[in-house]
Protein backbone atom coordinates (compact mmCIF):
# COMPACT_ATOMS: atom_id res chain seq x y z
CA MET A 1 0.00 0.00 0.00
CA ASP A 2 1.36 3.40 -0.97
CA ILE A 3 1.76 6.01 1.74
CA ALA A 4 2.13 9.76 1.61
CA TYR A 5 5.60 11.14 2.10
CA ILE A 6 7.81 14.21 1.83
CA PRO A 7 9.83 14.00 -1.39
CA SER A 8 13.54 14.74 -1.41
CA PRO A 9 15.12 16.98 -4.04
CA SER A 10 16.58 15.08 -6.97
CA ARG A 11 19.78 17.10 -6.59
CA GLY A 12 21.26 19.67 -4.25
CA VAL A 13 23.36 21.64 -6.73
CA LEU A 14 22.69 23.77 -9.80
CA TYR A 15 25.34 24.94 -12.24
CA LEU A 16 25.67 28.48 -13.48
CA GLY A 17 28.04 27.65 -16.30
CA PRO A 18 31.07 26.10 -14.57
CA ILE A 19 30.07 27.56 -11.17
CA PRO A 20 28.22 25.18 -8.81
CA LEU A 21 25.43 26.71 -6.71
CA ARG A 22 24.93 24.40 -3.74
CA ALA A 23 21.69 24.45 -1.77
CA TYR A 24 23.50 23.43 1.43
CA ALA A 25 25.63 26.59 1.26
CA PHE A 26 22.62 28.79 0.52
CA CYS A 27 20.78 27.42 3.56
CA ILE A 28 23.74 28.34 5.76
CA ILE A 29 23.99 31.81 4.19
CA ILE A 30 20.28 32.44 4.72
CA GLY A 31 20.67 31.35 8.34
CA VAL A 32 23.55 33.77 8.90
CA VAL A 33 21.57 36.65 7.37
CA VAL A 34 18.56 35.89 9.59
CA ALA A 35 20.72 35.65 12.71
CA VAL A 36 22.50 38.96 12.05
CA TRP A 37 19.24 40.73 11.17
CA LEU A 38 17.40 39.62 14.32
CA GLY A 39 20.47 40.03 16.49
CA SER A 40 20.94 43.61 15.27
CA LYS A 41 17.33 44.51 16.04
CA ARG A 42 17.66 43.11 19.56
CA TRP A 43 21.05 44.76 20.11
CA VAL A 44 19.77 48.19 19.11
CA ALA A 45 16.71 47.72 21.33
CA ARG A 46 19.10 47.08 24.25
CA GLY A 47 20.94 50.33 23.59
CA GLY A 48 23.67 49.18 21.21
CA ALA A 49 24.87 50.55 17.89
CA LYS A 50 23.19 49.24 14.76
CA HIS A 51 26.36 47.92 13.06
CA THR A 52 27.91 46.17 16.06
CA VAL A 53 26.32 42.74 15.56
CA GLY A 54 27.36 42.59 11.92
CA ASP A 55 30.90 43.72 12.67
CA ILE A 56 31.34 41.03 15.33
CA ALA A 57 29.72 38.42 13.06
CA VAL A 58 32.59 38.94 10.63
CA TRP A 59 34.71 37.22 13.27
CA ALA A 60 32.17 34.79 14.71
CA VAL A 61 30.86 33.24 11.48
CA PRO A 62 34.20 32.06 9.97
CA PHE A 63 35.30 30.72 13.36
CA GLY A 64 31.97 28.95 13.70
CA LEU A 65 32.21 27.29 10.29
CA VAL A 66 35.73 26.05 11.02
CA GLY A 67 34.70 24.83 14.46
CA GLY A 68 31.66 23.03 13.12
CA ARG A 69 33.68 21.26 10.47
CA LEU A 70 36.46 20.33 12.90
CA TYR A 71 33.98 18.80 15.34
CA HIS A 72 32.40 16.74 12.56
CA VAL A 73 35.72 15.51 11.17
CA ILE A 74 37.09 14.64 14.62
CA THR A 75 33.99 12.80 15.80
CA ASP A 76 33.40 11.05 12.45
CA HIS A 77 37.03 10.57 11.46
CA GLN A 78 36.29 7.08 10.12
CA LEU A 79 34.54 8.72 7.17
CA TYR A 80 37.74 10.42 6.01
CA PHE A 81 40.75 8.50 7.31
CA GLY A 82 41.74 4.86 7.01
CA ASP A 83 41.91 2.22 4.33
CA GLY A 84 40.08 3.22 1.17
CA LYS A 85 39.26 6.72 2.46
CA ASN A 86 40.25 10.03 0.89
CA PRO A 87 41.39 12.56 3.53
CA TRP A 88 40.79 15.43 1.12
CA ASN A 89 37.05 14.79 1.48
CA ALA A 90 37.31 16.34 4.93
CA PHE A 91 37.51 19.72 3.19
CA LYS A 92 34.33 19.19 1.14
CA ILE A 93 32.09 21.16 3.45
CA TRP A 94 29.45 21.49 0.73
CA GLU A 95 28.70 17.77 1.06
CA GLY A 96 27.43 18.36 4.61
CA GLY A 97 28.94 17.82 8.00
CA LEU A 98 28.89 20.74 10.45
CA GLY A 99 28.74 19.89 14.15
CA ILE A 100 26.74 22.51 16.04
CA TRP A 101 28.78 21.93 19.20
CA GLY A 102 32.03 22.88 17.48
CA ALA A 103 30.35 25.74 15.63
CA ILE A 104 29.08 27.32 18.85
CA ALA A 105 32.33 26.72 20.75
CA LEU A 106 34.72 28.15 18.18
CA GLY A 107 32.17 30.72 17.03
CA ALA A 108 32.16 32.00 20.61
CA VAL A 109 35.93 32.45 20.37
CA GLY A 110 35.48 34.53 17.22
CA ALA A 111 32.70 36.53 18.88
CA TRP A 112 34.94 37.13 21.90
CA ILE A 113 37.66 38.54 19.64
CA GLY A 114 35.13 40.78 17.89
CA CYS A 115 33.67 41.93 21.22
CA ARG A 116 37.10 42.76 22.57
CA ARG A 117 37.84 44.88 19.51
CA ARG A 118 34.55 46.76 19.91
CA GLY A 119 34.66 47.07 23.69
CA VAL A 120 31.46 45.04 24.04
CA PRO A 121 30.70 42.49 26.83
CA LEU A 122 30.39 39.01 25.32
CA PRO A 123 27.44 37.88 27.55
CA ALA A 124 25.32 40.84 26.44
CA TYR A 125 26.14 40.16 22.80
CA ALA A 126 25.34 36.45 23.22
CA ASP A 127 21.94 37.29 24.70
CA ALA A 128 21.10 39.52 21.74
CA ILE A 129 21.94 36.93 19.09
CA ALA A 130 20.67 33.79 20.87
CA PRO A 131 17.23 33.50 19.18
CA GLY A 132 18.81 34.41 15.86
CA ILE A 133 21.24 31.50 16.18
CA ALA A 134 18.31 29.14 16.77
CA LEU A 135 16.62 30.43 13.61
CA ALA A 136 19.90 30.07 11.71
CA GLN A 137 20.00 26.40 12.74
CA ALA A 138 16.40 26.01 11.58
CA CYS A 139 17.39 27.32 8.14
CA GLY A 140 20.60 25.31 7.99
CA ARG A 141 18.85 21.98 8.62
CA TRP A 142 17.14 22.29 5.25
CA GLY A 143 20.57 21.82 3.72
CA ASN A 144 20.39 18.23 5.04
CA TRP A 145 17.15 17.82 3.11
CA PHE A 146 18.80 18.88 -0.13
CA ASN A 147 21.73 16.53 0.55
CA GLN A 148 19.45 13.64 1.60
CA GLU A 149 21.40 13.07 4.80
CA LEU A 150 20.96 12.65 8.56
CA TYR A 151 17.50 11.11 8.24
CA GLY A 152 15.97 8.86 10.88
CA LYS A 153 14.50 5.40 11.19
CA ALA A 154 12.17 3.87 8.61
CA THR A 155 8.57 4.97 9.10
CA THR A 156 5.07 4.69 7.69
CA LEU A 157 4.01 8.11 8.96
CA PRO A 158 2.36 10.32 6.32
CA TRP A 159 5.10 12.93 6.80
CA GLY A 160 7.88 10.41 6.26
CA LEU A 161 10.83 11.49 4.11
CA GLU A 162 11.47 9.68 0.83
CA ILE A 163 15.15 8.91 0.34
CA HIS A 164 16.70 7.59 -2.85
CA LYS A 165 20.43 8.14 -3.11
CA VAL A 166 23.62 6.40 -4.12
CA GLN A 167 26.14 5.98 -1.33
CA PRO A 168 29.90 6.58 -1.85
CA ASP A 169 30.46 2.80 -1.87
CA GLY A 170 27.96 2.39 -4.72
CA SER A 171 25.09 1.00 -2.65
CA ILE A 172 21.63 2.51 -2.99
CA VAL A 173 19.44 3.70 -0.13
CA SER A 174 15.75 3.82 -0.96
CA GLY A 175 12.78 4.10 1.35
CA VAL A 176 10.75 6.37 3.62
CA TYR A 177 12.36 7.55 6.85
CA GLN A 178 11.79 9.91 9.77
CA PRO A 179 12.43 13.51 8.59
CA THR A 180 14.76 14.43 11.44
CA PHE A 181 15.89 17.55 9.57
CA LEU A 182 12.29 18.82 9.73
CA TYR A 183 11.88 17.91 13.40
CA GLU A 184 15.01 19.81 14.35
CA SER A 185 14.11 22.79 12.17
CA ILE A 186 10.71 23.10 13.85
CA TRP A 187 12.26 22.59 17.29
CA CYS A 188 14.76 25.39 16.67
CA VAL A 189 11.98 27.78 15.68
CA GLY A 190 10.25 26.87 18.95
CA VAL A 191 13.49 27.51 20.87
CA ALA A 192 13.80 30.96 19.28
CA LEU A 193 10.22 31.83 20.26
CA LEU A 194 10.83 30.55 23.79
CA VAL A 195 13.93 32.74 24.22
CA LEU A 196 12.14 35.81 22.83
CA TRP A 197 9.22 35.28 25.22
CA ALA A 198 11.35 34.54 28.29
CA ASP A 199 13.67 37.46 27.58
CA ARG A 200 10.72 39.85 27.44
CA ARG A 201 8.95 38.30 30.42
CA TYR A 202 11.93 37.97 32.78
CA THR A 203 14.38 40.58 31.39
CA LEU A 204 17.22 38.10 30.95
CA GLY A 205 20.75 39.45 30.88
CA HIS A 206 24.39 38.60 31.56
CA GLY A 207 24.29 35.60 29.20
CA ARG A 208 21.13 33.98 30.56
CA ALA A 209 19.12 34.27 27.33
CA PHE A 210 21.93 32.45 25.53
CA ALA A 211 22.06 29.80 28.26
CA LEU A 212 18.30 29.26 27.90
CA TYR A 213 18.72 28.78 24.15
CA VAL A 214 21.47 26.20 24.74
CA ALA A 215 19.49 24.28 27.36
CA ALA A 216 16.30 24.20 25.29
CA TYR A 217 18.11 23.16 22.13
CA THR A 218 19.91 20.24 23.79
CA VAL A 219 16.61 18.76 25.00
CA GLY A 220 15.30 18.51 21.45
CA ARG A 221 18.64 17.39 20.06
CA ALA A 222 18.78 14.45 22.47
CA TRP A 223 15.36 13.27 21.30
CA ILE A 224 16.20 13.71 17.63
CA GLU A 225 19.48 11.81 18.05
CA TYR A 226 17.43 8.83 19.22
CA LEU A 227 15.67 8.76 15.85
CA ARG A 228 18.75 9.06 13.65
CA ILE A 229 20.39 6.05 12.05
CA ASP A 230 23.49 7.57 10.49
CA GLU A 231 26.81 6.15 11.62
CA ALA A 232 27.94 7.48 15.01
CA HIS A 233 30.13 6.56 17.97
CA HIS A 234 28.32 5.07 20.96
CA ILE A 235 29.24 5.26 24.65
CA LEU A 236 27.30 3.06 27.09
CA GLY A 237 24.57 2.58 24.52
CA LEU A 238 24.10 6.28 23.75
CA ARG A 239 25.26 8.18 20.70
CA LEU A 240 28.12 10.63 21.28
CA ASN A 241 25.88 13.60 20.54
CA ASP A 242 23.45 12.42 23.24
CA TRP A 243 26.22 12.56 25.83
CA THR A 244 27.29 15.95 24.54
CA SER A 245 23.69 17.17 24.86
CA ILE A 246 23.51 15.97 28.46
CA VAL A 247 26.77 17.62 29.49
CA VAL A 248 25.96 20.91 27.73
CA PHE A 249 22.41 20.93 29.17
CA VAL A 250 23.70 20.56 32.73
CA GLY A 251 26.23 23.32 32.18
CA ALA A 252 23.63 25.69 30.69
CA VAL A 253 21.12 25.12 33.51
CA ALA A 254 23.84 25.61 36.14
CA TYR A 255 24.82 28.89 34.48
CA LEU A 256 21.19 30.05 34.45
CA LEU A 257 20.75 29.37 38.16
CA ILE A 258 24.09 30.75 39.37
CA VAL A 259 24.10 33.92 37.27
CA GLY A 260 20.40 34.48 37.93
CA ARG A 261 21.13 34.70 41.66
CA LYS A 262 24.33 36.72 41.44
CA ARG A 263 23.43 39.11 38.61
CA PRO A 264 19.67 39.35 38.09
CA GLY A 265 18.22 41.63 35.46
CA ARG A 266 19.95 43.00 32.41
CA GLU A 267 23.00 45.14 31.74
CA ALA A 268 22.47 48.91 31.71
CA PRO A 269 22.00 50.12 28.11
CA ASP A 270 24.82 52.68 28.38
CA SER A 271 27.31 50.02 29.47
CA ILE A 272 27.09 47.55 26.60
CA ASP A 273 28.29 49.39 23.50
CA PRO A 274 30.59 52.43 23.32
CA ALA A 275 29.84 52.78 19.60
CA ALA A 276 26.22 53.64 20.45
CA HIS A 277 27.37 56.95 21.94
CA GLU A 278 29.29 57.75 18.76
CA ASP A 279 26.13 57.13 16.75
CA GLU A 280 24.18 59.48 19.05
CA LEU A 281 26.77 62.24 18.60
CA THR A 282 26.73 61.78 14.84
CA GLU A 283 22.94 61.91 14.67
CA SER A 284 22.92 64.99 16.93
CA ALA A 285 25.46 66.77 14.72
CA GLU A 286 23.49 65.92 11.59
CA SER A 287 20.27 67.29 13.11
CA GLU A 288 21.76 70.75 13.85
CA PRO A 289 20.92 73.45 11.25
CA ASP A 290 23.68 74.53 8.92
CA VAL A 291 25.06 78.06 9.44
CA PRO A 292 26.38 79.94 6.36
CA ALA A 293 30.11 80.54 6.26
CA GLY A 294 31.23 83.86 7.81
CA THR A 295 28.14 84.19 10.02
CA THR A 296 27.35 83.15 13.56
CA ALA A 297 24.14 81.82 14.95
CA PRO A 298 22.22 84.41 17.04
CA ASP A 299 22.32 83.84 20.76
CA ALA A 300 18.65 84.66 21.16
CA PRO A 301 15.69 85.58 18.95
CA ASP A 302 14.92 89.24 18.24
CA SER A 303 11.87 89.18 20.49
CA ALA A 304 14.02 88.16 23.45
CA VAL A 305 16.44 91.07 22.82
CA THR A 306 13.57 93.58 22.59
CA ASP A 307 12.07 92.42 25.89
CA ARG A 308 15.44 92.74 27.62
CA ASP A 309 15.88 96.35 26.35
CA LYS A 310 12.45 97.27 27.72
CA ASP A 311 13.33 95.91 31.15
CA LEU A 312 16.56 97.94 31.25
CA LYS A 313 14.70 101.13 30.31
CA ASN A 314 12.11 100.62 33.04
CA HIS A 315 14.84 100.24 35.69
CA SER A 316 16.79 103.34 34.60
């Protein structure tokens, strides 16, 4: 009996002449744009300058991409090294393989460098971009759909994902599987909405909004890992990413509790971004009326001078 299913794209790359346009890369680019856009809006609302988030992202994004790829290659080294493997494939990032744990960790290093250069506190910056990162992950997961990768167990659910692809060893995978890319994409959107709501409701600051994003994401990731069937290392019966989720979740919750007690509330707007004051001075200077060369602005209107002369005459 036929069942309904979600079809997979027949290919994940289009060619503009000799130039390949890869859907996986476009999904990542869209995610970065969304994260910077939302992060900038939140940063300005907190009292920061409008270009700060983008300037720091110039550091954070490349570091994050390198970190994500390194985590994937290290934890799935058997895919690239050993008998019959081609180590150069480790550099083919367009074929998929970005570990979120490495992306966040090394991306934080890049963000720290950018924050130091701008004189911005990293926790405040992390809070501003937290929901945007979750939305970026939601966009990026659709790259897995185009690459027909990281799907789950076989299923007969009407929203199952049809897979038909040729593996590197020549074998063919064909069937209907759990669309784990879709589950995680939807979960990440929910995480972003949760952080936005909690931040408005409880005025989260000092890195707590980011910690909430991390904790909420790891809960969903642990469940989604249970559904996946791609090759992975196991420790005590659990996939490596499950253990990573547990450790990161505990750390994020501990941070929320400790910082919430020691530093409740949010940073003062005038303490987070020195560039915001420069923007205010620039806008103030631009709003002042131009005075023609060789003239000076009057100290007071004519009416004020006339009234003053009358007062002097009455007292004489």
